[in-house]
PDB file of N, CA and C in Angstrom:
ATOM      1  N   MET A   1     -12.060   9.474   0.670  1.00  0.00           N
ATOM      2  CA  MET A   1     -12.198   8.425   1.052  1.00  0.00           C
ATOM      3  C   MET A   1     -11.610   7.760   1.977  1.00  0.00           C
ATOM      4  N   ARG A   2     -11.176   7.069   3.212  1.00  0.00           N
ATOM      5  CA  ARG A   2     -10.162   6.341   3.790  1.00  0.00           C
ATOM      6  C   ARG A   2     -10.478   5.048   4.089  1.00  0.00           C
ATOM      7  N   ILE A   3      -9.013   4.119   3.095  1.00  0.00           N
ATOM      8  CA  ILE A   3      -9.598   2.993   3.418  1.00  0.00           C
ATOM      9  C   ILE A   3      -8.096   1.695   4.558  1.00  0.00           C
ATOM     10  N   ALA A   4      -8.170   0.972   4.528  1.00  0.00           N
ATOM     11  CA  ALA A   4      -8.003   0.527   6.324  1.00  0.00           C
ATOM     12  C   ALA A   4      -7.135  -0.782   4.929  1.00  0.00           C
ATOM     13  N   LEU A   5      -5.840  -1.356   4.735  1.00  0.00           N
ATOM     14  CA  LEU A   5      -4.906  -2.208   4.201  1.00  0.00           C
ATOM     15  C   LEU A   5      -4.420  -2.791   5.521  1.00  0.00           C
ATOM     16  N   HIS A   6      -4.935  -4.091   5.469  1.00  0.00           N
ATOM     17  CA  HIS A   6      -4.172  -5.446   6.174  1.00  0.00           C
ATOM     18  C   HIS A   6      -2.350  -6.232   5.440  1.00  0.00           C
ATOM     19  N   THR A   7      -1.516  -6.057   5.260  1.00  0.00           N
ATOM     20  CA  THR A   7      -1.099  -6.825   4.577  1.00  0.00           C
ATOM     21  C   THR A   7       0.228  -7.420   5.998  1.00  0.00           C
ATOM     22  N   ARG A   8       0.915  -8.224   5.166  1.00  0.00           N
ATOM     23  CA  ARG A   8       1.871  -9.223   6.713  1.00  0.00           C
ATOM     24  C   ARG A   8       3.262  -9.188   5.322  1.00  0.00           C
ATOM     25  N   VAL A   9       4.316  -8.678   6.000  1.00  0.00           N
ATOM     26  CA  VAL A   9       5.906  -8.743   5.415  1.00  0.00           C
ATOM     27  C   VAL A   9       6.505 -10.204   5.801  1.00  0.00           C
ATOM     28  N   ARG A  10       6.853 -10.733   4.874  1.00  0.00           N
ATOM     29  CA  ARG A  10       7.544 -11.865   5.600  1.00  0.00           C
ATOM     30  C   ARG A  10       8.659 -11.872   6.958  1.00  0.00           C
ATOM     31  N   ALA A  11       8.683 -12.529   7.779  1.00  0.00           N
ATOM     32  CA  ALA A  11       9.433 -12.113   8.666  1.00  0.00           C
ATOM     33  C   ALA A  11      11.004 -12.249   8.469  1.00  0.00           C
ATOM     34  N   ASP A  12      11.468 -13.044   7.387  1.00  0.00           N
ATOM     35  CA  ASP A  12      12.097 -12.691   7.589  1.00  0.00           C
ATOM     36  C   ASP A  12      13.364 -11.452   6.973  1.00  0.00           C
ATOM     37  N   ARG A  13      11.793 -10.680   6.656  1.00  0.00           N
ATOM     38  CA  ARG A  13      11.971 -10.228   5.514  1.00  0.00           C
ATOM     39  C   ARG A  13      12.040  -8.315   6.216  1.00  0.00           C
ATOM     40  N   ILE A  14      11.273  -8.646   7.214  1.00  0.00           N
ATOM     41  CA  ILE A  14      11.191  -7.058   8.113  1.00  0.00           C
ATOM     42  C   ILE A  14      11.407  -5.556   8.040  1.00  0.00           C
ATOM     43  N   THR A  15      13.409  -6.150   8.649  1.00  0.00           N
ATOM     44  CA  THR A  15      14.397  -5.153   8.037  1.00  0.00           C
ATOM     45  C   THR A  15      14.327  -4.736   7.104  1.00  0.00           C
ATOM     46  N   ALA A  16      14.478  -5.314   6.083  1.00  0.00           N
ATOM     47  CA  ALA A  16      13.802  -5.249   3.978  1.00  0.00           C
ATOM     48  C   ALA A  16      13.038  -4.107   4.477  1.00  0.00           C
ATOM     49  N   TYR A  17      12.245  -4.400   4.544  1.00  0.00           N
ATOM     50  CA  TYR A  17      10.460  -3.696   4.793  1.00  0.00           C
ATOM     51  C   TYR A  17      11.198  -2.023   4.817  1.00  0.00           C
ATOM     52  N   GLU A  18      11.119  -2.363   6.448  1.00  0.00           N
ATOM     53  CA  GLU A  18      11.574  -1.138   7.016  1.00  0.00           C
ATOM     54  C   GLU A  18      12.592  -0.311   6.340  1.00  0.00           C
ATOM     55  N   ASN A  19      13.655  -1.346   5.754  1.00  0.00           N
ATOM     56  CA  ASN A  19      14.790  -0.136   5.575  1.00  0.00           C
ATOM     57  C   ASN A  19      14.320   0.587   3.643  1.00  0.00           C
ATOM     58  N   ALA A  20      13.145  -0.266   3.428  1.00  0.00           N
ATOM     59  CA  ALA A  20      12.811   0.251   1.970  1.00  0.00           C
ATOM     60  C   ALA A  20      12.200   1.575   2.455  1.00  0.00           C
ATOM     61  N   HIS A  21      11.374   1.784   2.998  1.00  0.00           N
ATOM     62  CA  HIS A  21      10.131   2.271   3.624  1.00  0.00           C
ATOM     63  C   HIS A  21      10.539   3.572   3.939  1.00  0.00           C
ATOM     64  N   ARG A  22      12.088   3.194   4.512  1.00  0.00           N
ATOM     65  CA  ARG A  22      12.780   4.999   5.118  1.00  0.00           C
ATOM     66  C   ARG A  22      13.357   5.672   3.412  1.00  0.00           C
ATOM     67  N   ALA A  23      13.288   4.943   2.409  1.00  0.00           N
ATOM     68  CA  ALA A  23      13.542   5.376   1.028  1.00  0.00           C
ATOM     69  C   ALA A  23      13.105   5.707  -0.136  1.00  0.00           C
ATOM     70  N   VAL A  24      11.725   4.898   0.443  1.00  0.00           N
ATOM     71  CA  VAL A  24      10.378   5.437  -0.719  1.00  0.00           C
ATOM     72  C   VAL A  24      10.968   6.705  -1.845  1.00  0.00           C
ATOM     73  N   PRO A  25      11.144   5.994  -3.240  1.00  0.00           N
ATOM     74  CA  PRO A  25      11.767   7.724  -4.759  1.00  0.00           C
ATOM     75  C   PRO A  25      10.575   8.618  -4.050  1.00  0.00           C
ATOM     76  N   GLU A  26      11.174   8.799  -4.035  1.00  0.00           N
ATOM     77  CA  GLU A  26      10.068  10.763  -4.632  1.00  0.00           C
ATOM     78  C   GLU A  26       9.506  10.713  -5.619  1.00  0.00           C
ATOM     79  N   GLU A  27       9.584  10.231  -6.852  1.00  0.00           N
ATOM     80  CA  GLU A  27       9.206   9.458  -7.173  1.00  0.00           C
ATOM     81  C   GLU A  27       8.635   9.027  -7.845  1.00  0.00           C
ATOM     82  N   LEU A  28       8.184   8.077  -6.343  1.00  0.00           N
ATOM     83  CA  LEU A  28       6.865   7.720  -6.331  1.00  0.00           C
ATOM     84  C   LEU A  28       5.404   8.324  -5.794  1.00  0.00           C
ATOM     85  N   THR A  29       6.206   8.835  -4.077  1.00  0.00           N
ATOM     86  CA  THR A  29       5.423   9.436  -3.427  1.00  0.00           C
ATOM     87  C   THR A  29       4.707  10.609  -4.319  1.00  0.00           C
ATOM     88  N   ASP A  30       5.886  11.245  -5.419  1.00  0.00           N
ATOM     89  CA  ASP A  30       4.944  12.089  -6.054  1.00  0.00           C
ATOM     90  C   ASP A  30       3.611  11.557  -6.880  1.00  0.00           C
ATOM     91  N   ALA A  31       3.408  10.495  -7.553  1.00  0.00           N
ATOM     92  CA  ALA A  31       2.763   9.580  -8.602  1.00  0.00           C
ATOM     93  C   ALA A  31       1.555   9.619  -7.508  1.00  0.00           C
ATOM     94  N   ILE A  32       1.493   9.020  -6.049  1.00  0.00           N
ATOM     95  CA  ILE A  32       0.972   8.486  -5.560  1.00  0.00           C
ATOM     96  C   ILE A  32      -0.128  10.131  -4.730  1.00  0.00           C
ATOM     97  N   ARG A  33       0.907  10.807  -4.691  1.00  0.00           N
ATOM     98  CA  ARG A  33      -0.072  12.220  -4.722  1.00  0.00           C
ATOM     99  C   ARG A  33      -0.456  12.130  -5.985  1.00  0.00           C
ATOM    100  N   ALA A  34      -0.229  12.166  -6.773  1.00  0.00           N
ATOM    101  CA  ALA A  34      -0.981  13.404  -7.914  1.00  0.00           C
ATOM    102  C   ALA A  34      -1.935  12.086  -8.392  1.00  0.00           C
ATOM    103  N   ALA A  35      -1.961  10.833  -8.056  1.00  0.00           N
ATOM    104  CA  ALA A  35      -3.345   9.747  -8.084  1.00  0.00           C
ATOM    105  C   ALA A  35      -4.563   9.890  -6.945  1.00  0.00           C
ATOM    106  N   GLY A  36      -4.021  11.161  -6.070  1.00  0.00           N
ATOM    107  CA  GLY A  36      -5.438  11.351  -5.315  1.00  0.00           C
ATOM    108  C   GLY A  36      -5.171  10.982  -3.924  1.00  0.00           C
ATOM    109  N   ALA A  37      -4.206  10.620  -4.145  1.00  0.00           N
ATOM    110  CA  ALA A  37      -3.883  10.428  -2.192  1.00  0.00           C
ATOM    111  C   ALA A  37      -3.252  11.455  -0.960  1.00  0.00           C
ATOM    112  N   THR A  38      -4.077  11.794  -0.276  1.00  0.00           N
ATOM    113  CA  THR A  38      -3.661  12.841   0.768  1.00  0.00           C
ATOM    114  C   THR A  38      -2.824  12.452   1.545  1.00  0.00           C
ATOM    115  N   SER A  39      -2.546  11.609   2.321  1.00  0.00           N
ATOM    116  CA  SER A  39      -1.799  10.623   3.660  1.00  0.00           C
ATOM    117  C   SER A  39      -2.168   9.469   3.023  1.00  0.00           C
ATOM    118  N   TRP A  40      -0.221   8.623   3.805  1.00  0.00           N
ATOM    119  CA  TRP A  40      -0.845   7.009   3.852  1.00  0.00           C
ATOM    120  C   TRP A  40       0.121   6.460   4.906  1.00  0.00           C
ATOM    121  N   THR A  41      -0.365   5.751   5.184  1.00  0.00           N
ATOM    122  CA  THR A  41       0.353   5.479   7.065  1.00  0.00           C
ATOM    123  C   THR A  41       0.556   4.402   7.279  1.00  0.00           C
ATOM    124  N   ILE A  42       1.812   2.818   7.773  1.00  0.00           N
ATOM    125  CA  ILE A  42       1.779   1.880   7.931  1.00  0.00           C
ATOM    126  C   ILE A  42       2.566   1.429   9.005  1.00  0.00           C
ATOM    127  N   TRP A  43       0.944   1.312   9.893  1.00  0.00           N
ATOM    128  CA  TRP A  43       1.673   0.701  11.337  1.00  0.00           C
ATOM    129  C   TRP A  43       2.208  -0.478  10.879  1.00  0.00           C
ATOM    130  N   ARG A  44       3.240  -1.309  11.835  1.00  0.00           N
ATOM    131  CA  ARG A  44       3.702  -2.894  12.115  1.00  0.00           C
ATOM    132  C   ARG A  44       3.693  -3.562  13.239  1.00  0.00           C
ATOM    133  N   SER A  45       3.125  -4.488  13.510  1.00  0.00           N
ATOM    134  CA  SER A  45       3.087  -6.090  14.634  1.00  0.00           C
ATOM    135  C   SER A  45       3.181  -6.863  14.493  1.00  0.00           C
ATOM    136  N   GLY A  46       4.432  -6.945  15.107  1.00  0.00           N
ATOM    137  CA  GLY A  46       4.955  -7.750  14.373  1.00  0.00           C
ATOM    138  C   GLY A  46       5.343  -8.372  12.524  1.00  0.00           C
ATOM    139  N   THR A  47       4.722  -9.345  12.292  1.00  0.00           N
ATOM    140  CA  THR A  47       4.927  -9.506  11.350  1.00  0.00           C
ATOM    141  C   THR A  47       3.408  -9.409  10.280  1.00  0.00           C
ATOM    142  N   ASP A  48       2.592  -8.315  10.875  1.00  0.00           N
ATOM    143  CA  ASP A  48       1.025  -7.623  10.418  1.00  0.00           C
ATOM    144  C   ASP A  48       1.639  -6.130  10.093  1.00  0.00           C
ATOM    145  N   LEU A  49       0.971  -5.534   9.144  1.00  0.00           N
ATOM    146  CA  LEU A  49       1.694  -4.663   8.304  1.00  0.00           C
ATOM    147  C   LEU A  49      -0.247  -4.110   8.257  1.00  0.00           C
ATOM    148  N   PHE A  50      -0.631  -2.860   9.547  1.00  0.00           N
ATOM    149  CA  PHE A  50      -1.730  -1.990   9.454  1.00  0.00           C
ATOM    150  C   PHE A  50      -1.870   0.037   7.999  1.00  0.00           C
ATOM    151  N   HIS A  51      -2.029  -0.629   6.760  1.00  0.00           N
ATOM    152  CA  HIS A  51      -2.310   0.664   6.097  1.00  0.00           C
ATOM    153  C   HIS A  51      -3.841   1.340   6.857  1.00  0.00           C
ATOM    154  N   VAL A  52      -3.071   2.768   6.406  1.00  0.00           N
ATOM    155  CA  VAL A  52      -4.836   3.661   6.169  1.00  0.00           C
ATOM    156  C   VAL A  52      -4.318   4.932   5.351  1.00  0.00           C
ATOM    157  N   LEU A  53      -5.364   4.531   4.782  1.00  0.00           N
ATOM    158  CA  LEU A  53      -5.325   5.101   3.317  1.00  0.00           C
ATOM    159  C   LEU A  53      -5.650   6.521   2.403  1.00  0.00           C
ATOM    160  N   GLU A  54      -5.328   7.550   2.751  1.00  0.00           N
ATOM    161  CA  GLU A  54      -6.775   8.792   2.889  1.00  0.00           C
ATOM    162  C   GLU A  54      -6.553   8.979   0.283  1.00  0.00           C
ATOM    163  N   CYS A  55      -7.431   8.894   0.183  1.00  0.00           N
ATOM    164  CA  CYS A  55      -7.011   9.332  -1.483  1.00  0.00           C
ATOM    165  C   CYS A  55      -8.548   9.725  -1.396  1.00  0.00           C
ATOM    166  N   GLU A  56      -9.240  10.656  -3.027  1.00  0.00           N
ATOM    167  CA  GLU A  56      -9.796  10.825  -3.322  1.00  0.00           C
ATOM    168  C   GLU A  56     -10.697   9.788  -4.094  1.00  0.00           C
ATOM    169  N   GLU A  57      -9.789   8.654  -4.440  1.00  0.00           N
ATOM    170  CA  GLU A  57     -10.928   7.213  -4.909  1.00  0.00           C
ATOM    171  C   GLU A  57      -9.911   6.362  -5.095  1.00  0.00           C
ATOM    172  N   TYR A  58      -9.957   5.399  -4.693  1.00  0.00           N
ATOM    173  CA  TYR A  58      -9.126   4.091  -4.203  1.00  0.00           C
ATOM    174  C   TYR A  58      -9.084   3.310  -5.679  1.00  0.00           C
ATOM    175  N   ALA A  59     -10.136   2.915  -5.911  1.00  0.00           N
ATOM    176  CA  ALA A  59      -9.641   2.586  -7.484  1.00  0.00           C
ATOM    177  C   ALA A  59      -8.770   3.489  -8.434  1.00  0.00           C
ATOM    178  N   THR A  60      -9.151   4.806  -8.415  1.00  0.00           N
ATOM    179  CA  THR A  60      -8.587   5.234  -9.682  1.00  0.00           C
ATOM    180  C   THR A  60      -7.049   5.622  -9.224  1.00  0.00           C
ATOM    181  N   LEU A  61      -7.147   5.672  -7.867  1.00  0.00           N
ATOM    182  CA  LEU A  61      -5.637   5.177  -7.495  1.00  0.00           C
ATOM    183  C   LEU A  61      -4.815   4.349  -8.250  1.00  0.00           C
ATOM    184  N   LEU A  62      -5.281   2.965  -7.752  1.00  0.00           N
ATOM    185  CA  LEU A  62      -4.527   2.156  -8.281  1.00  0.00           C
ATOM    186  C   LEU A  62      -4.205   1.742  -9.565  1.00  0.00           C
ATOM    187  N   ALA A  63      -5.204   2.610 -10.793  1.00  0.00           N
ATOM    188  CA  ALA A  63      -5.881   2.603 -11.403  1.00  0.00           C
ATOM    189  C   ALA A  63      -4.863   3.672 -12.314  1.00  0.00           C
ATOM    190  N   ALA A  64      -4.475   4.601 -11.783  1.00  0.00           N
ATOM    191  CA  ALA A  64      -3.153   5.715 -11.988  1.00  0.00           C
ATOM    192  C   ALA A  64      -2.392   5.288 -11.726  1.00  0.00           C
ATOM    193  N   LEU A  65      -1.627   4.327 -11.152  1.00  0.00           N
ATOM    194  CA  LEU A  65      -0.740   4.204 -11.003  1.00  0.00           C
ATOM    195  C   LEU A  65       0.538   2.846 -11.344  1.00  0.00           C
ATOM    196  N   GLU A  66      -1.409   1.762 -11.346  1.00  0.00           N
ATOM    197  CA  GLU A  66      -0.828   0.393 -11.865  1.00  0.00           C
ATOM    198  C   GLU A  66       0.573   0.587 -13.243  1.00  0.00           C
ATOM    199  N   ARG A  67       0.100   0.704 -13.984  1.00  0.00           N
ATOM    200  CA  ARG A  67       2.061   0.548 -15.267  1.00  0.00           C
ATOM    201  C   ARG A  67       2.611   1.736 -15.588  1.00  0.00           C
ATOM    202  N   LEU A  68       2.760   2.179 -14.345  1.00  0.00           N
ATOM    203  CA  LEU A  68       3.677   3.748 -13.628  1.00  0.00           C
ATOM    204  C   LEU A  68       4.810   3.248 -13.528  1.00  0.00           C
ATOM    205  N   PRO A  69       6.082   2.979 -14.437  1.00  0.00           N
ATOM    206  CA  PRO A  69       7.148   2.523 -14.523  1.00  0.00           C
ATOM    207  C   PRO A  69       7.300   2.189 -12.707  1.00  0.00           C
ATOM    208  N   VAL A  70       7.546   3.608 -11.955  1.00  0.00           N
ATOM    209  CA  VAL A  70       8.484   3.707 -10.566  1.00  0.00           C
ATOM    210  C   VAL A  70       7.708   2.604  -9.570  1.00  0.00           C
ATOM    211  N   ASN A  71       5.969   2.621  -9.475  1.00  0.00           N
ATOM    212  CA  ASN A  71       5.189   1.782  -8.953  1.00  0.00           C
ATOM    213  C   ASN A  71       5.690   0.354  -9.625  1.00  0.00           C
ATOM    214  N   VAL A  72       5.530   0.212 -11.055  1.00  0.00           N
ATOM    215  CA  VAL A  72       6.437  -1.232 -10.938  1.00  0.00           C
ATOM    216  C   VAL A  72       6.903  -2.229 -10.424  1.00  0.00           C
ATOM    217  N   ALA A  73       8.842  -0.974 -10.369  1.00  0.00           N
ATOM    218  CA  ALA A  73      10.210  -1.332  -9.769  1.00  0.00           C
ATOM    219  C   ALA A  73       9.662  -1.607  -8.300  1.00  0.00           C
ATOM    220  N   TRP A  74       8.778  -1.152  -8.224  1.00  0.00           N
ATOM    221  CA  TRP A  74       8.087  -0.776  -5.700  1.00  0.00           C
ATOM    222  C   TRP A  74       7.230  -1.702  -5.671  1.00  0.00           C
ATOM    223  N   GLN A  75       6.540  -2.469  -6.747  1.00  0.00           N
ATOM    224  CA  GLN A  75       5.720  -3.486  -6.704  1.00  0.00           C
ATOM    225  C   GLN A  75       6.105  -5.214  -5.971  1.00  0.00           C
ATOM    226  N   ALA A  76       7.233  -4.815  -7.877  1.00  0.00           N
ATOM    227  CA  ALA A  76       8.462  -5.815  -8.023  1.00  0.00           C
ATOM    228  C   ALA A  76       9.360  -5.927  -6.750  1.00  0.00           C
ATOM    229  N   ARG A  77       9.582  -4.980  -6.000  1.00  0.00           N
ATOM    230  CA  ARG A  77       9.948  -4.923  -4.725  1.00  0.00           C
ATOM    231  C   ARG A  77       9.434  -5.684  -3.814  1.00  0.00           C
ATOM    232  N   MET A  78       8.711  -4.828  -3.635  1.00  0.00           N
ATOM    233  CA  MET A  78       7.428  -4.864  -2.564  1.00  0.00           C
ATOM    234  C   MET A  78       6.999  -6.569  -2.271  1.00  0.00           C
ATOM    235  N   ALA A  79       6.803  -7.456  -3.763  1.00  0.00           N
ATOM    236  CA  ALA A  79       6.471  -8.692  -3.610  1.00  0.00           C
ATOM    237  C   ALA A  79       7.111  -9.670  -2.919  1.00  0.00           C
ATOM    238  N   ASP A  80       8.796  -8.651  -2.521  1.00  0.00           N
ATOM    239  CA  ASP A  80       9.895 -10.121  -2.903  1.00  0.00           C
ATOM    240  C   ASP A  80       9.543 -10.203  -1.357  1.00  0.00           C
ATOM    241  N   LEU A  81       9.119  -9.504  -0.314  1.00  0.00           N
ATOM    242  CA  LEU A  81       9.158  -8.677   0.935  1.00  0.00           C
ATOM    243  C   LEU A  81       7.816  -9.449   1.462  1.00  0.00           C
ATOM    244  N   LEU A  82       6.868  -9.405   0.951  1.00  0.00           N
ATOM    245  CA  LEU A  82       5.433  -9.158   1.462  1.00  0.00           C
ATOM    246  C   LEU A  82       5.321 -10.599   1.164  1.00  0.00           C
ATOM    247  N   ASP A  83       4.399 -11.089   2.308  1.00  0.00           N
ATOM    248  CA  ASP A  83       3.262 -12.275   1.614  1.00  0.00           C
ATOM    249  C   ASP A  83       2.145 -11.709   1.082  1.00  0.00           C
ATOM    250  N   VAL A  84       1.495 -10.845   1.300  1.00  0.00           N
ATOM    251  CA  VAL A  84       0.296 -10.755   0.971  1.00  0.00           C
ATOM    252  C   VAL A  84       0.398  -8.787   0.226  1.00  0.00           C
ATOM    253  N   VAL A  85      -0.077  -8.799  -0.354  1.00  0.00           N
ATOM    254  CA  VAL A  85       0.563  -7.056  -0.970  1.00  0.00           C
ATOM    255  C   VAL A  85      -1.226  -6.595  -0.202  1.00  0.00           C
ATOM    256  N   HIS A  86      -0.592  -4.561  -0.656  1.00  0.00           N
ATOM    257  CA  HIS A  86      -2.041  -4.190  -0.571  1.00  0.00           C
ATOM    258  C   HIS A  86      -2.706  -3.857  -1.848  1.00  0.00           C
ATOM    259  N   ASP A  87      -2.393  -4.188  -2.997  1.00  0.00           N
ATOM    260  CA  ASP A  87      -3.568  -4.082  -3.701  1.00  0.00           C
ATOM    261  C   ASP A  87      -4.550  -5.151  -4.211  1.00  0.00           C
ATOM    262  N   TYR A  88      -4.618  -6.047  -3.087  1.00  0.00           N
ATOM    263  CA  TYR A  88      -5.744  -7.101  -3.639  1.00  0.00           C
ATOM    264  C   TYR A  88      -6.747  -7.359  -4.540  1.00  0.00           C
ATOM    265  N   ARG A  89      -7.042  -7.431  -5.356  1.00  0.00           N
ATOM    266  CA  ARG A  89      -8.450  -7.706  -5.589  1.00  0.00           C
ATOM    267  C   ARG A  89      -9.100  -8.582  -5.915  1.00  0.00           C
ATOM    268  N   ALA A  90     -10.468  -7.757  -4.945  1.00  0.00           N
ATOM    269  CA  ALA A  90     -10.962  -9.651  -4.773  1.00  0.00           C
ATOM    270  C   ALA A  90     -13.065  -9.782  -5.445  1.00  0.00           C
ATOM    271  N   GLU A  91     -12.753 -10.891  -6.069  1.00  0.00           N
ATOM    272  CA  GLU A  91     -13.950 -10.882  -7.138  1.00  0.00           C
ATOM    273  C   GLU A  91     -13.811  -9.511  -7.920  1.00  0.00           C
ATOM    274  N   GLY A  92     -12.736  -8.377  -8.675  1.00  0.00           N
ATOM    275  CA  GLY A  92     -12.403  -7.602  -9.309  1.00  0.00           C
ATOM    276  C   GLY A  92     -13.233  -6.388  -8.942  1.00  0.00           C
ATOM    277  N   THR A  93     -13.338  -6.694  -7.368  1.00  0.00           N
ATOM    278  CA  THR A  93     -13.581  -5.255  -6.937  1.00  0.00           C
ATOM    279  C   THR A  93     -12.451  -4.349  -6.093  1.00  0.00           C
ATOM    280  N   ASP A  94     -12.529  -2.924  -5.382  1.00  0.00           N
ATOM    281  CA  ASP A  94     -10.874  -3.322  -4.915  1.00  0.00           C
ATOM    282  C   ASP A  94     -11.187  -3.493  -3.598  1.00  0.00           C
ATOM    283  N   ALA A  95     -10.041  -3.884  -2.585  1.00  0.00           N
ATOM    284  CA  ALA A  95     -10.817  -4.577  -1.415  1.00  0.00           C
ATOM    285  C   ALA A  95      -9.431  -4.648  -0.751  1.00  0.00           C
ATOM    286  N   GLY A  96     -10.691  -3.665   0.820  1.00  0.00           N
ATOM    287  CA  GLY A  96      -9.607  -2.842   2.041  1.00  0.00           C
ATOM    288  C   GLY A  96     -10.801  -4.243   2.954  1.00  0.00           C
ATOM    289  N   LEU A  97     -10.120  -3.404   4.592  1.00  0.00           N
ATOM    290  CA  LEU A  97     -10.982  -4.086   5.505  1.00  0.00           C
ATOM    291  C   LEU A  97     -11.711  -3.207   5.757  1.00  0.00           C
ATOM    292  N   PRO A  98     -13.047  -3.913   5.816  1.00  0.00           N
ATOM    293  CA  PRO A  98     -14.920  -3.441   6.130  1.00  0.00           C
ATOM    294  C   PRO A  98     -14.528  -2.805   7.645  1.00  0.00           C
ATOM    295  N   VAL A  99     -15.055  -1.754   7.046  1.00  0.00           N
ATOM    296  CA  VAL A  99     -15.434  -1.038   8.991  1.00  0.00           C
ATOM    297  C   VAL A  99     -16.640  -1.691   9.592  1.00  0.00           C
ATOM    298  N   VAL A 100     -16.316  -1.980  10.863  1.00  0.00           N
ATOM    299  CA  VAL A 100     -16.832  -2.485  11.718  1.00  0.00           C
ATOM    300  C   VAL A 100     -17.703  -1.448  12.325  1.00  0.00           C
ATOM    301  N   TRP A 101     -16.780  -0.575  13.214  1.00  0.00           N
ATOM    302  CA  TRP A 101     -17.350   0.570  14.194  1.00  0.00           C
ATOM    303  C   TRP A 101     -16.507   2.068  13.532  1.00  0.00           C
ATOM    304  N   GLU A 102     -17.618   3.204  14.188  1.00  0.00           N
ATOM    305  CA  GLU A 102     -16.453   4.470  13.344  1.00  0.00           C
ATOM    306  C   GLU A 102     -17.239   5.541  14.513  1.00  0.00           C
ATOM    307  N   LEU A 103     -16.245   6.580  15.073  1.00  0.00           N
ATOM    308  CA  LEU A 103     -16.852   7.053  16.511  1.00  0.00           C
ATOM    309  C   LEU A 103     -17.500   8.288  15.817  1.00  0.00           C
TER     310      LEU A 103
END
């Protein structure tokens, strides 16, 4: 499945955000892959971040990572850098951008 996400980095934390992503812990990337992700790309336009994540099942991926210490630490680090986090859950469901059109 393919999930698109829109997050926002704090304007005063763009450099820190990009630096953090130059050194994502290998333990975290291994865990993300083990949870079913096959790719994850993030683009930035100003403070807007656009993610495309390909995985077996997004809810399963989030559940697998939720309490993993390396992910908990990463999410705490990102919380300091972001205005909007990637795993926002609306009304108890996993949220992503709705598909409007696809070729």
